[in-house]
């Protein structure tokens, strides 16, 4: 049995068919190039709104069909990420000054690393604003379900807030309790197809 076609595969095939570089395609779609790269590699799954922007930018339509599958991984990965972010929020509540200082330090370092990448710079600018807005705004961005929050978490500046031991304990806790005893594998999933 062959490898399943992913949304990232379909987006990459469409971009290549149009003869666009990743940078040009990302600009056309109105998303950061880093996000397009992660989507194409399968590292992340786009929200429906982000996928629609990509499709509009590439002149394609998405048609979904329901079929049986054992694929629950994208949802599970988002749940795992949100679980870890809640642990970061716990640290934020205990020591806001330390956590915000780590985030600000990461932002400053990443500005130099990503100097020629405007979409990432924009995300870092937005995170700086959120840090200035205070703890509640940070909590919403780390755990919220809005499209902006999901997009911002792709470039979260909170790396290093959790020690390796804290992170491992949080992941073990997620594996044991993350789905509240429910299976994370749905009975059916939507299979994407791009149409020109």
Protein backbone atom coordinates (compact mmCIF):
# COMPACT_ATOMS: atom_id res chain seq x y z
CA UNK A 1 0.00 0.00 0.00
CA UNK A 2 1.42 3.39 -1.02
CA UNK A 3 1.80 6.55 0.96
CA UNK A 4 -1.40 8.59 1.37
CA UNK A 5 -1.61 11.88 -0.48
CA UNK A 6 -1.70 14.79 1.96
CA UNK A 7 -2.97 18.34 1.61
CA UNK A 8 0.68 19.39 1.52
CA UNK A 9 1.34 17.06 -1.42
CA UNK A 10 -1.59 18.52 -3.32
CA UNK A 11 -0.55 22.11 -2.63
CA UNK A 12 3.06 21.41 -3.67
CA UNK A 13 1.91 19.66 -6.88
CA UNK A 14 -0.35 22.60 -7.77
CA UNK A 15 2.41 25.14 -7.04
CA UNK A 16 4.88 23.17 -9.18
CA UNK A 17 2.35 22.87 -12.01
CA UNK A 18 2.05 26.66 -11.98
CA UNK A 19 5.84 27.00 -12.00
CA UNK A 20 5.90 29.06 -8.80
CA UNK A 21 8.65 29.12 -6.20
CA UNK A 22 7.55 28.67 -2.62
CA UNK A 23 8.26 32.35 -1.97
CA UNK A 24 6.15 33.51 -4.93
CA UNK A 25 3.32 31.13 -4.03
CA UNK A 26 3.31 32.23 -0.39
CA UNK A 27 3.18 35.88 -1.46
CA UNK A 28 0.32 35.12 -3.85
CA UNK A 29 -1.55 33.25 -1.11
CA UNK A 30 -0.95 35.89 1.56
CA UNK A 31 0.74 33.52 4.02
CA UNK A 32 4.28 33.27 5.40
CA UNK A 33 6.65 31.18 3.29
CA UNK A 34 7.61 29.24 6.42
CA UNK A 35 3.98 28.21 6.87
CA UNK A 36 3.69 27.09 3.23
CA UNK A 37 6.89 25.08 3.64
CA UNK A 38 5.57 23.35 6.79
CA UNK A 39 2.25 22.60 5.07
CA UNK A 40 3.95 21.15 1.98
CA UNK A 41 6.28 19.00 4.10
CA UNK A 42 3.36 17.69 6.17
CA UNK A 43 4.83 19.20 9.34
CA UNK A 44 1.60 21.09 9.98
CA UNK A 45 -1.97 21.05 8.74
CA UNK A 46 -3.55 24.37 7.74
CA UNK A 47 -6.81 25.64 9.16
CA UNK A 48 -9.70 25.60 6.69
CA UNK A 49 -9.44 29.39 6.28
CA UNK A 50 -5.70 29.21 5.60
CA UNK A 51 -6.22 26.37 3.13
CA UNK A 52 -8.86 28.47 1.35
CA UNK A 53 -6.38 31.38 1.07
CA UNK A 54 -3.80 29.01 -0.40
CA UNK A 55 -6.27 27.60 -2.89
CA UNK A 56 -7.45 31.06 -3.91
CA UNK A 57 -3.84 32.15 -4.38
CA UNK A 58 -3.11 29.10 -6.53
CA UNK A 59 -6.36 29.32 -8.51
CA UNK A 60 -7.70 25.97 -7.29
CA UNK A 61 -10.79 24.67 -5.52
CA UNK A 62 -11.04 22.08 -2.78
CA UNK A 63 -13.56 19.29 -2.95
CA UNK A 64 -13.96 17.00 0.04
CA UNK A 65 -15.32 13.51 0.04
CA UNK A 66 -16.11 11.43 3.09
CA UNK A 67 -14.41 8.06 3.40
CA UNK A 68 -13.48 5.68 6.18
CA UNK A 69 -10.01 6.19 7.54
CA UNK A 70 -7.92 5.71 10.61
CA UNK A 71 -6.42 9.19 10.35
CA UNK A 72 -6.79 11.26 13.48
CA UNK A 73 -3.23 12.50 13.65
CA UNK A 74 -3.66 16.15 12.55
CA UNK A 75 -6.31 16.72 15.21
CA UNK A 76 -4.28 14.79 17.77
CA UNK A 77 -1.19 16.89 16.94
CA UNK A 78 -3.14 20.12 17.49
CA UNK A 79 -4.44 18.76 20.79
CA UNK A 80 -0.89 17.85 21.84
CA UNK A 81 0.38 21.31 20.91
CA UNK A 82 -2.43 23.01 22.80
CA UNK A 83 -1.76 20.76 25.83
CA UNK A 84 1.90 21.87 25.87
CA UNK A 85 0.82 25.50 25.49
CA UNK A 86 -1.40 25.13 28.55
CA UNK A 87 1.65 23.99 30.51
CA UNK A 88 3.46 27.12 29.27
CA UNK A 89 0.44 29.14 30.45
CA UNK A 90 0.86 27.53 33.88
CA UNK A 91 4.44 28.77 33.97
CA UNK A 92 3.26 32.18 32.76
CA UNK A 93 0.78 32.39 35.63
CA UNK A 94 3.44 31.42 38.17
CA UNK A 95 6.19 33.72 36.89
CA UNK A 96 5.01 36.15 34.18
CA UNK A 97 8.22 38.19 34.20
CA UNK A 98 10.43 35.15 33.50
CA UNK A 99 8.22 33.74 30.74
CA UNK A 100 7.76 37.10 29.00
CA UNK A 101 11.52 37.75 29.22
CA UNK A 102 12.24 34.39 27.53
CA UNK A 103 9.73 35.18 24.77
CA UNK A 104 11.19 38.67 24.22
CA UNK A 105 14.71 37.23 24.06
CA UNK A 106 13.62 34.64 21.48
CA UNK A 107 11.91 37.32 19.40
CA UNK A 108 15.05 39.47 19.36
CA UNK A 109 17.27 36.52 18.36
CA UNK A 110 14.83 35.36 15.68
CA UNK A 111 14.62 38.85 14.15
CA UNK A 112 18.26 38.52 13.11
CA UNK A 113 17.92 34.89 11.99
CA UNK A 114 14.84 35.65 9.87
CA UNK A 115 15.83 39.17 8.74
CA UNK A 116 14.95 38.55 5.07
CA UNK A 117 11.63 36.86 5.75
CA UNK A 118 8.88 39.49 6.07
CA UNK A 119 6.06 37.07 7.01
CA UNK A 120 8.03 35.77 9.98
CA UNK A 121 8.98 39.32 10.93
CA UNK A 122 5.26 40.19 10.88
CA UNK A 123 4.50 37.27 13.20
CA UNK A 124 7.29 38.37 15.55
CA UNK A 125 5.92 41.93 15.50
CA UNK A 126 2.48 40.60 16.38
CA UNK A 127 3.90 38.51 19.23
CA UNK A 128 5.69 41.63 20.56
CA UNK A 129 2.34 43.45 20.59
CA UNK A 130 0.69 40.52 22.38
CA UNK A 131 3.46 40.46 25.00
CA UNK A 132 2.88 44.21 25.52
CA UNK A 133 -0.87 43.57 25.90
CA UNK A 134 -0.24 41.38 28.95
CA UNK A 135 -0.90 37.96 30.38
CA UNK A 136 -4.53 37.55 29.24
CA UNK A 137 -3.64 38.31 25.61
CA UNK A 138 -0.76 35.83 25.78
CA UNK A 139 -3.03 33.13 27.23
CA UNK A 140 -5.58 33.66 24.44
CA UNK A 141 -2.90 33.43 21.76
CA UNK A 142 -1.36 30.29 23.26
CA UNK A 143 -4.61 28.40 23.78
CA UNK A 144 -7.26 30.10 21.63
CA UNK A 145 -8.93 28.47 18.66
CA UNK A 146 -9.09 31.56 16.42
CA UNK A 147 -7.34 31.43 13.06
CA UNK A 148 -4.94 34.17 14.17
CA UNK A 149 -4.01 32.23 17.32
CA UNK A 150 -3.44 29.05 15.33
CA UNK A 151 -1.31 30.91 12.78
CA UNK A 152 0.71 32.71 15.46
CA UNK A 153 1.49 29.46 17.25
CA UNK A 154 3.41 28.40 14.13
CA UNK A 155 6.06 30.95 15.22
CA UNK A 156 5.59 30.86 18.99
CA UNK A 157 8.40 32.61 20.90
CA UNK A 158 7.99 30.46 24.03
CA UNK A 159 10.71 27.92 23.25
CA UNK A 160 12.77 27.29 26.37
CA UNK A 161 10.03 28.17 28.87
CA UNK A 162 9.61 24.51 29.80
CA UNK A 163 12.59 22.47 30.94
CA UNK A 164 13.13 19.18 29.07
CA UNK A 165 11.81 17.34 32.14
CA UNK A 166 8.66 19.50 32.28
CA UNK A 167 8.06 18.98 28.58
CA UNK A 168 8.46 15.20 28.88
CA UNK A 169 6.12 15.06 31.89
CA UNK A 170 3.56 17.15 29.99
CA UNK A 171 3.78 14.84 26.96
CA UNK A 172 3.41 11.76 29.18
CA UNK A 173 0.38 13.37 30.78
CA UNK A 174 -1.08 14.10 27.37
CA UNK A 175 -0.54 10.51 26.22
CA UNK A 176 -2.33 9.29 29.35
CA UNK A 177 -5.12 11.86 29.59
CA UNK A 178 -5.10 14.09 26.51
CA UNK A 179 -8.23 12.72 24.93
CA UNK A 180 -10.20 12.33 28.20
CA UNK A 181 -10.52 8.63 27.50
CA UNK A 182 -12.03 9.12 24.06
CA UNK A 183 -10.42 7.73 20.96
CA UNK A 184 -8.67 10.37 18.88
CA UNK A 185 -9.33 8.41 15.70
CA UNK A 186 -12.59 9.39 13.97
CA UNK A 187 -14.69 6.87 12.10
CA UNK A 188 -14.47 8.91 8.91
CA UNK A 189 -12.35 11.76 7.66
CA UNK A 190 -12.48 14.12 4.75
CA UNK A 191 -10.19 13.26 1.86
CA UNK A 192 -8.98 16.34 -0.01
CA UNK A 193 -8.78 16.71 -3.77
CA UNK A 194 -7.67 19.85 -5.60
CA UNK A 195 -9.40 20.78 -8.81
CA UNK A 196 -7.88 23.33 -11.23
